N, C-alpha and C. Protein backbone atom coordinates (compact mmCIF):
# COMPACT_ATOMS: atom_id res chain seq x y z
N MET A 1 21.29 -7.84 -8.01
CA MET A 1 20.14 -8.44 -8.60
C MET A 1 20.18 -9.97 -8.45
N GLU A 2 21.27 -10.58 -8.79
CA GLU A 2 21.35 -12.04 -8.75
C GLU A 2 21.26 -12.61 -7.34
N PRO A 3 21.94 -12.03 -6.34
CA PRO A 3 21.81 -12.60 -4.98
C PRO A 3 20.37 -12.56 -4.45
N LEU A 4 19.59 -11.57 -4.90
CA LEU A 4 18.20 -11.44 -4.45
C LEU A 4 17.24 -12.19 -5.35
N ASP A 5 17.74 -12.72 -6.45
CA ASP A 5 16.92 -13.40 -7.45
C ASP A 5 15.86 -12.45 -8.01
N SER A 6 16.26 -11.20 -8.18
CA SER A 6 15.35 -10.17 -8.70
C SER A 6 15.26 -10.25 -10.21
N TRP A 7 14.19 -9.68 -10.75
CA TRP A 7 13.97 -9.69 -12.18
C TRP A 7 14.47 -8.39 -12.79
N TYR A 8 15.29 -8.50 -13.81
CA TYR A 8 15.83 -7.35 -14.52
C TYR A 8 15.05 -7.16 -15.80
N GLN A 9 14.51 -5.97 -15.99
CA GLN A 9 13.74 -5.67 -17.19
C GLN A 9 14.67 -4.99 -18.20
N GLU A 10 15.06 -5.75 -19.19
CA GLU A 10 16.04 -5.27 -20.16
C GLU A 10 15.55 -4.08 -20.97
N GLU A 11 14.27 -4.08 -21.36
CA GLU A 11 13.74 -2.98 -22.18
C GLU A 11 13.89 -1.62 -21.49
N ARG A 12 13.68 -1.59 -20.20
CA ARG A 12 13.74 -0.34 -19.43
C ARG A 12 15.04 -0.23 -18.63
N GLU A 13 15.85 -1.27 -18.65
CA GLU A 13 17.15 -1.31 -17.99
C GLU A 13 17.11 -0.99 -16.50
N PHE A 14 16.26 -1.72 -15.78
CA PHE A 14 16.26 -1.58 -14.33
C PHE A 14 15.77 -2.86 -13.66
N ILE A 15 16.09 -2.98 -12.39
CA ILE A 15 15.68 -4.12 -11.59
C ILE A 15 14.29 -3.83 -11.03
N GLN A 16 13.39 -4.78 -11.19
CA GLN A 16 12.05 -4.63 -10.62
C GLN A 16 12.15 -4.72 -9.09
N PRO A 17 11.20 -4.10 -8.36
CA PRO A 17 11.27 -4.07 -6.91
C PRO A 17 11.32 -5.46 -6.27
N SER A 18 12.20 -5.60 -5.31
CA SER A 18 12.35 -6.82 -4.51
C SER A 18 12.43 -6.35 -3.06
N GLU A 19 11.39 -6.65 -2.29
CA GLU A 19 11.31 -6.13 -0.93
C GLU A 19 11.28 -7.28 0.07
N PHE A 20 11.90 -7.03 1.22
CA PHE A 20 12.02 -8.08 2.23
C PHE A 20 11.77 -7.52 3.62
N LEU A 21 11.13 -8.34 4.45
CA LEU A 21 10.97 -8.04 5.87
C LEU A 21 11.84 -9.06 6.60
N LEU A 22 12.84 -8.56 7.32
CA LEU A 22 13.81 -9.42 8.01
C LEU A 22 13.61 -9.35 9.51
N ASP A 23 13.95 -10.45 10.19
CA ASP A 23 13.96 -10.41 11.65
C ASP A 23 15.33 -9.87 12.09
N PRO A 24 15.53 -9.64 13.39
CA PRO A 24 16.80 -9.07 13.85
C PRO A 24 18.04 -9.90 13.50
N THR A 25 17.86 -11.19 13.22
CA THR A 25 19.02 -12.02 12.86
C THR A 25 19.29 -12.03 11.36
N GLY A 26 18.42 -11.39 10.57
CA GLY A 26 18.58 -11.35 9.13
C GLY A 26 17.77 -12.40 8.38
N LYS A 27 17.00 -13.19 9.12
CA LYS A 27 16.14 -14.20 8.49
C LYS A 27 15.00 -13.51 7.74
N VAL A 28 14.73 -13.95 6.52
CA VAL A 28 13.64 -13.38 5.72
C VAL A 28 12.32 -13.91 6.25
N LEU A 29 11.45 -12.98 6.71
CA LEU A 29 10.12 -13.36 7.19
C LEU A 29 9.10 -13.30 6.06
N TYR A 30 9.19 -12.25 5.25
CA TYR A 30 8.29 -12.05 4.13
C TYR A 30 9.07 -11.42 2.99
N SER A 31 8.63 -11.71 1.77
CA SER A 31 9.27 -11.09 0.61
C SER A 31 8.21 -10.75 -0.42
N SER A 32 8.54 -9.79 -1.28
CA SER A 32 7.66 -9.37 -2.35
C SER A 32 8.50 -9.05 -3.57
N TYR A 33 8.16 -9.67 -4.68
CA TYR A 33 8.80 -9.39 -5.96
C TYR A 33 7.73 -8.83 -6.88
N SER A 34 7.95 -7.65 -7.42
CA SER A 34 6.95 -7.00 -8.27
C SER A 34 7.48 -6.84 -9.69
N ASP A 35 6.56 -6.86 -10.64
CA ASP A 35 6.95 -6.59 -12.02
C ASP A 35 6.05 -5.53 -12.64
N GLY A 36 5.45 -4.74 -11.80
CA GLY A 36 4.58 -3.67 -12.26
C GLY A 36 4.32 -2.68 -11.15
N PRO A 37 3.38 -1.77 -11.36
CA PRO A 37 3.12 -0.72 -10.38
C PRO A 37 2.35 -1.16 -9.14
N ILE A 38 1.84 -2.39 -9.10
CA ILE A 38 1.12 -2.86 -7.91
C ILE A 38 1.90 -4.01 -7.28
N GLY A 39 1.55 -4.34 -6.04
CA GLY A 39 2.15 -5.48 -5.36
C GLY A 39 3.32 -5.13 -4.47
N ARG A 40 3.56 -3.85 -4.28
CA ARG A 40 4.67 -3.46 -3.41
C ARG A 40 4.20 -3.40 -1.96
N MET A 41 5.17 -3.53 -1.05
CA MET A 41 4.85 -3.50 0.37
C MET A 41 4.48 -2.07 0.78
N ASP A 42 3.30 -1.91 1.34
CA ASP A 42 2.85 -0.61 1.82
C ASP A 42 3.47 -0.35 3.19
N PRO A 43 4.06 0.82 3.43
CA PRO A 43 4.72 1.10 4.71
C PRO A 43 3.80 0.93 5.92
N ASN A 44 2.57 1.43 5.84
CA ASN A 44 1.66 1.33 6.98
C ASN A 44 1.26 -0.12 7.25
N GLU A 45 0.99 -0.87 6.19
CA GLU A 45 0.64 -2.28 6.36
C GLU A 45 1.82 -3.08 6.89
N THR A 46 3.02 -2.76 6.43
CA THR A 46 4.21 -3.45 6.90
C THR A 46 4.44 -3.15 8.38
N TYR A 47 4.23 -1.91 8.78
CA TYR A 47 4.37 -1.53 10.19
C TYR A 47 3.36 -2.29 11.05
N SER A 48 2.12 -2.40 10.56
CA SER A 48 1.10 -3.16 11.29
C SER A 48 1.49 -4.63 11.41
N LEU A 49 2.07 -5.18 10.36
CA LEU A 49 2.53 -6.57 10.40
C LEU A 49 3.63 -6.74 11.43
N VAL A 50 4.56 -5.83 11.47
CA VAL A 50 5.66 -5.90 12.46
C VAL A 50 5.10 -5.82 13.87
N GLN A 51 4.16 -4.93 14.10
CA GLN A 51 3.54 -4.84 15.43
C GLN A 51 2.86 -6.16 15.80
N TYR A 52 2.12 -6.73 14.86
CA TYR A 52 1.45 -8.00 15.10
C TYR A 52 2.44 -9.11 15.42
N LEU A 53 3.51 -9.20 14.65
CA LEU A 53 4.52 -10.24 14.90
C LEU A 53 5.19 -10.05 16.26
N ASN A 54 5.40 -8.80 16.65
CA ASN A 54 5.98 -8.53 17.97
C ASN A 54 5.02 -8.93 19.09
N GLU A 55 3.72 -8.70 18.88
CA GLU A 55 2.73 -9.13 19.87
C GLU A 55 2.72 -10.65 20.01
N LEU A 56 2.77 -11.34 18.90
CA LEU A 56 2.81 -12.82 18.95
C LEU A 56 4.05 -13.30 19.69
N LYS A 57 5.17 -12.67 19.42
CA LYS A 57 6.42 -13.06 20.07
C LYS A 57 6.34 -12.81 21.58
N ALA A 58 5.72 -11.70 21.98
CA ALA A 58 5.61 -11.37 23.40
C ALA A 58 4.72 -12.37 24.14
N LYS A 59 3.74 -12.95 23.46
CA LYS A 59 2.82 -13.92 24.08
C LYS A 59 3.45 -15.30 24.19
N ALA A 60 4.47 -15.55 23.40
CA ALA A 60 5.08 -16.89 23.37
C ALA A 60 5.98 -17.12 24.57
C-alpha cells in the first residue's frame, strides 16, 4: 500500500484500487486511484489506449 501511495480504508479494512499502465521498461504511463465503485480502468478502454499508444510509437 505505501509504495503505491494507495488509500487504506480502515472501516472496511482494505486497500482501495490502485491501477497502473506501465511501458515495457516499467515507467508509469497512466494511473488510477479509486475510492468507490466508479473510476476504475475498463479493460476494453485500456486495450484501446494501448493500441493507440503503439500506433503513435510506430509513427515516430
